[in-house]
C-alpha atoms as a PDB file:
ATOM      1  CA  MET A   1     123.418 117.954  87.907  1.00  0.00           C
ATOM      2  CA  THR A   2     124.531 116.768  91.234  1.00  0.00           C
ATOM      3  CA  ILE A   3     123.707 113.268  92.521  1.00  0.00           C
ATOM      4  CA  ASP A   4     122.820 113.051  96.308  1.00  0.00           C
ATOM      5  CA  PRO A   5     125.047 110.401  97.758  1.00  0.00           C
ATOM      6  CA  SER A   6     122.238 108.822  99.701  1.00  0.00           C
ATOM      7  CA  ASN A   7     120.361 108.329  96.285  1.00  0.00           C
ATOM      8  CA  LEU A   8     123.509 106.973  94.865  1.00  0.00           C
ATOM      9  CA  ILE A   9     123.811 104.385  97.694  1.00  0.00           C
ATOM     10  CA  GLY A  10     120.024 103.507  97.306  1.00  0.00           C
ATOM     11  CA  TYR A  11     120.231 102.860  93.565  1.00  0.00           C
ATOM     12  CA  PHE A  12     123.404 100.677  94.194  1.00  0.00           C
ATOM     13  CA  ALA A  13     121.558  98.759  96.872  1.00  0.00           C
ATOM     14  CA  ALA A  14     118.472  98.544  94.758  1.00  0.00           C
ATOM     15  CA  PHE A  15     120.407  97.122  91.887  1.00  0.00           C
ATOM     16  CA  LEU A  16     122.188  94.563  93.969  1.00  0.00           C
ATOM     17  CA  THR A  17     119.034  93.218  95.759  1.00  0.00           C
ATOM     18  CA  THR A  18     117.045  93.279  92.565  1.00  0.00           C
ATOM     19  CA  VAL A  19     119.651  91.358  90.529  1.00  0.00           C
ATOM     20  CA  ALA A  20     119.842  88.825  93.283  1.00  0.00           C
ATOM     21  CA  PHE A  21     116.436  87.409  92.198  1.00  0.00           C
ATOM     22  CA  VAL A  22     117.253  87.160  88.487  1.00  0.00           C
ATOM     23  CA  PRO A  23     119.074  83.726  88.817  1.00  0.00           C
ATOM     24  CA  GLN A  24     115.975  82.238  90.884  1.00  0.00           C
ATOM     25  CA  ALA A  25     113.519  83.587  88.503  1.00  0.00           C
ATOM     26  CA  TYR A  26     115.422  82.307  85.481  1.00  0.00           C
ATOM     27  CA  GLN A  27     116.228  78.806  86.910  1.00  0.00           C
ATOM     28  CA  SER A  28     112.614  78.504  87.907  1.00  0.00           C
ATOM     29  CA  TRP A  29     111.326  79.521  84.439  1.00  0.00           C
ATOM     30  CA  LYS A  30     113.902  77.325  82.769  1.00  0.00           C
ATOM     31  CA  THR A  31     113.352  74.081  84.776  1.00  0.00           C
ATOM     32  CA  ARG A  32     109.977  74.528  86.250  1.00  0.00           C
ATOM     33  CA  ASP A  33     111.415  72.706  89.364  1.00  0.00           C
ATOM     34  CA  LEU A  34     110.260  74.804  92.342  1.00  0.00           C
ATOM     35  CA  SER A  35     110.592  71.924  94.975  1.00  0.00           C
ATOM     36  CA  GLY A  36     112.801  73.763  96.880  1.00  0.00           C
ATOM     37  CA  ILE A  37     110.427  77.002  97.171  1.00  0.00           C
ATOM     38  CA  SER A  38     108.127  77.636  99.914  1.00  0.00           C
ATOM     39  CA  LEU A  39     104.695  78.815  98.768  1.00  0.00           C
ATOM     40  CA  PRO A  40     103.945  80.479 102.166  1.00  0.00           C
ATOM     41  CA  MET A  41     107.377  82.111 102.192  1.00  0.00           C
ATOM     42  CA  TYR A  42     107.152  83.504  98.720  1.00  0.00           C
ATOM     43  CA  THR A  43     103.502  84.516  99.077  1.00  0.00           C
ATOM     44  CA  LEU A  44     104.660  86.648 102.203  1.00  0.00           C
ATOM     45  CA  PHE A  45     107.650  87.939 100.556  1.00  0.00           C
ATOM     46  CA  THR A  46     105.952  89.042  97.426  1.00  0.00           C
ATOM     47  CA  SER A  47     103.368  90.776  99.473  1.00  0.00           C
ATOM     48  CA  GLY A  48     105.978  92.649 101.375  1.00  0.00           C
ATOM     49  CA  VAL A  49     107.637  93.805  97.945  1.00  0.00           C
ATOM     50  CA  ALA A  50     104.286  95.013  96.951  1.00  0.00           C
ATOM     51  CA  LEU A  51     103.930  96.995 100.165  1.00  0.00           C
ATOM     52  CA  TRP A  52     107.437  98.287  99.700  1.00  0.00           C
ATOM     53  CA  LEU A  53     106.514  99.464  96.347  1.00  0.00           C
ATOM     54  CA  VAL A  54     103.610 101.369  97.709  1.00  0.00           C
ATOM     55  CA  TYR A  55     105.830 102.966 100.299  1.00  0.00           C
ATOM     56  CA  GLY A  56     108.247 103.997  97.644  1.00  0.00           C
ATOM     57  CA  PHE A  57     105.535 105.967  95.827  1.00  0.00           C
ATOM     58  CA  TYR A  58     104.394 107.431  99.297  1.00  0.00           C
ATOM     59  CA  ILE A  59     107.951 108.638 100.046  1.00  0.00           C
ATOM     60  CA  ASP A  60     108.711 109.642  96.404  1.00  0.00           C
ATOM     61  CA  SER A  61     111.942 107.501  96.349  1.00  0.00           C
ATOM     62  CA  MET A  62     112.927 106.292  92.853  1.00  0.00           C
ATOM     63  CA  PRO A  63     115.605 103.811  94.325  1.00  0.00           C
ATOM     64  CA  VAL A  64     112.748 102.161  96.201  1.00  0.00           C
ATOM     65  CA  ILE A  65     110.165 102.286  93.476  1.00  0.00           C
ATOM     66  CA  ILE A  66     112.412 100.756  90.750  1.00  0.00           C
ATOM     67  CA  ALA A  67     113.983  98.112  92.966  1.00  0.00           C
ATOM     68  CA  ASN A  68     110.678  96.795  94.273  1.00  0.00           C
ATOM     69  CA  ALA A  69     108.919  97.100  90.889  1.00  0.00           C
ATOM     70  CA  ILE A  70     111.351  94.830  89.253  1.00  0.00           C
ATOM     71  CA  THR A  71     111.654  92.560  92.090  1.00  0.00           C
ATOM     72  CA  LEU A  72     107.906  92.270  92.364  1.00  0.00           C
ATOM     73  CA  ILE A  73     107.712  91.054  88.696  1.00  0.00           C
ATOM     74  CA  LEU A  74     110.415  88.435  89.354  1.00  0.00           C
ATOM     75  CA  SER A  75     109.018  87.442  92.536  1.00  0.00           C
ATOM     76  CA  THR A  76     105.466  87.307  91.050  1.00  0.00           C
ATOM     77  CA  ILE A  77     106.898  84.908  88.367  1.00  0.00           C
ATOM     78  CA  VAL A  78     108.404  82.444  90.849  1.00  0.00           C
ATOM     79  CA  LEU A  79     105.069  82.615  92.947  1.00  0.00           C
ATOM     80  CA  THR A  80     103.058  82.013  90.001  1.00  0.00           C
ATOM     81  CA  LEU A  81     105.158  79.058  88.823  1.00  0.00           C
ATOM     82  CA  LYS A  82     105.178  77.712  92.404  1.00  0.00           C
ATOM     83  CA  SER A  83     101.283  78.130  92.835  1.00  0.00           C
ATOM     84  CA  ILE A  84     100.748  76.283  89.449  1.00  0.00           C
ATOM     85  CA  GLU A  85     102.927  73.578  90.688  1.00  0.00           C
ATOM     86  CA  VAL A  86     101.233  73.227  94.029  1.00  0.00           C
ATOM     87  CA  PHE A  87      97.737  73.541  92.973  1.00  0.00           C
ATOM     88  CA  SER A  88      98.158  71.190  89.850  1.00  0.00           C
ATOM     89  CA  LYS A  89      98.973  68.377  92.208  1.00  0.00           C
ATOM     90  CA  LYS A  90      95.607  68.648  93.960  1.00  0.00           C
END
């Protein structure tokens, strides 16, 4: 089985950009301190990641699907924690 170089680059890029969110999600979960996180920014970001995931399915690209599925989970965790923080203060 031959691996297409473009897919190899895609998987590597997907790995790097997805792993970049792990420290933020972990720190947010552990400390519950999300004071430096912008709710509007994370809402837009998470929505964009969801759309990238849908796009990945449309173009049938596993690197795009895998990266955005995992990133969507991580960003949803941060967005949920931030939403709880913001709306519990009201």
